[in-house]
Protein backbone atom coordinates (compact mmCIF):
# COMPACT_ATOMS: atom_id res chain seq x y z
CA VAL A 1 4.46 18.39 -4.62
CA GLU A 2 1.27 16.69 -3.44
CA GLU A 3 1.23 13.29 -1.75
CA ASN A 4 -1.82 11.10 -1.44
CA ALA A 5 -3.09 7.78 -0.10
CA TYR A 6 -2.39 6.06 -3.42
CA GLY A 7 1.41 6.23 -3.21
CA ILE A 8 2.10 8.81 -5.89
CA ASP A 9 3.46 12.34 -5.65
CA VAL A 10 2.40 14.74 -8.37
CA GLN A 11 2.83 18.36 -9.30
CA GLU A 12 1.63 20.79 -11.90
CA VAL A 13 3.51 20.66 -15.18
CA THR A 14 5.95 23.56 -15.42
CA GLY A 15 8.12 24.47 -18.38
CA GLU A 16 11.12 22.97 -16.58
CA LEU A 17 9.34 19.67 -15.83
CA ALA A 18 7.92 19.49 -19.34
CA GLN A 19 11.42 19.83 -20.74
CA LYS A 20 12.91 17.35 -18.24
CA PHE A 21 10.32 14.66 -19.03
CA GLY A 22 9.77 15.51 -22.72
CA ILE A 23 6.15 16.60 -22.36
CA GLY A 24 4.74 18.90 -25.00
CA ALA A 25 1.80 21.23 -24.42
CA GLU A 26 -0.19 18.47 -22.73
CA LYS A 27 -2.49 19.33 -19.84
CA GLY A 28 -2.38 17.26 -16.68
CA VAL A 29 -0.29 16.68 -13.58
CA ILE A 30 3.03 14.92 -13.66
CA ILE A 31 4.04 12.03 -11.42
CA THR A 32 7.24 13.01 -9.63
CA GLU A 33 7.58 10.04 -7.27
CA VAL A 34 6.00 6.60 -6.77
CA ASP A 35 6.10 4.67 -3.50
CA PRO A 36 7.75 1.33 -4.38
CA GLU A 37 5.29 -0.52 -2.10
CA SER A 38 2.19 0.96 -3.74
CA SER A 39 -0.24 -0.53 -6.21
CA ALA A 40 0.78 2.37 -8.49
CA ALA A 41 4.32 0.94 -8.64
CA GLU A 42 2.95 -2.57 -9.26
CA LYS A 43 0.94 -1.19 -12.20
CA GLY A 44 4.04 0.38 -13.73
CA LEU A 45 3.46 4.03 -12.91
CA ARG A 46 6.69 5.99 -12.71
CA PRO A 47 8.01 9.55 -12.55
CA GLY A 48 7.52 11.47 -15.75
CA MET A 49 4.10 10.01 -16.54
CA LEU A 50 1.33 12.53 -17.06
CA ILE A 51 -2.02 11.96 -15.34
CA VAL A 52 -4.65 13.32 -17.71
CA LYS A 53 -7.83 12.00 -16.07
CA VAL A 54 -8.95 10.75 -12.65
CA ASP A 55 -12.07 8.56 -12.71
CA ARG A 56 -12.68 9.72 -16.31
CA GLU A 57 -12.67 13.43 -15.31
CA PRO A 58 -10.02 15.62 -16.99
CA VAL A 59 -7.40 17.00 -14.59
CA PRO A 60 -5.57 19.76 -16.50
CA ASP A 61 -4.05 21.27 -13.33
CA MET A 62 -3.43 20.68 -9.62
CA ALA A 63 -6.72 22.28 -8.57
CA SER A 64 -8.77 19.86 -10.69
CA PHE A 65 -6.55 16.92 -9.66
CA ASN A 66 -7.03 17.74 -5.96
CA LYS A 67 -10.80 18.10 -6.48
CA ALA A 68 -10.97 14.72 -8.25
CA MET A 69 -8.87 13.06 -5.54
CA ALA A 70 -11.08 14.56 -2.80
CA ALA A 71 -14.16 13.21 -4.60
CA ALA A 72 -12.51 9.78 -4.69
CA ALA A 73 -11.37 9.86 -1.04
CA ALA A 74 -13.92 7.28 0.11
CA LYS A 75 -12.98 4.82 -2.64
CA GLU A 76 -10.48 2.01 -2.23
CA SER A 77 -9.30 2.40 -5.83
CA ILE A 78 -9.25 5.01 -8.58
CA LEU A 79 -9.02 4.94 -12.35
CA LEU A 80 -6.23 7.05 -13.85
CA TYR A 81 -5.64 7.85 -17.51
CA VAL A 82 -1.87 8.25 -17.87
CA LYS A 83 0.37 9.17 -20.78
CA ILE A 84 4.06 8.86 -21.44
CA GLY A 85 5.20 10.01 -24.85
CA GLU A 86 2.68 8.82 -27.43
CA ASN A 87 1.48 5.95 -25.23
CA ALA A 88 -1.63 6.30 -23.09
CA ARG A 89 -3.56 3.85 -20.95
CA TYR A 90 -6.06 3.49 -18.14
CA VAL A 91 -4.74 2.13 -14.85
CA VAL A 92 -6.62 1.23 -11.67
CA ILE A 93 -4.62 1.81 -8.51
CA LYS A 94 -5.56 0.98 -4.93
CA LYS A 95 -5.10 2.91 -1.72
CA MET A 96 -2.07 1.98 0.31
CA ALA A 97 -2.52 0.36 3.70
CA LYS A 98 -1.99 2.80 6.52
CA LYS A 99 1.50 2.48 7.94
CA ASP A 100 1.90 2.02 11.68
CA LYS A 101 3.82 4.82 13.32
C-alpha cells in the first residue's frame, strides 16, 4: 500500500481486491484508504474507487502511478480520473498540509 501527500492510499488491483470492490478487468490502481481530513475526502473519493489517470496520463499499474505522482510532486494539486462501477469522473485534489510532529 502506497501513501502520498494527497491523503490517499492505493495499491495495485489484485484478483482479490477486484472481487472485493467489484472491479472487472479494468487497469488502474485502487484506493484503499482516504484520510478524512484530505481534499480527496472532501471531493468524495473513497476506498474501492479505481484511479485510471493522473494528470491525464494512464496509470495501469503501481509503477506508472508512482511515476506520475513523482512527476506531480512539485504541484499543489493533481487531476485524477476515477471510476467506480460504470461511473467515471475527473477530480482535482490538493496536497495535505504537513502535520506537526
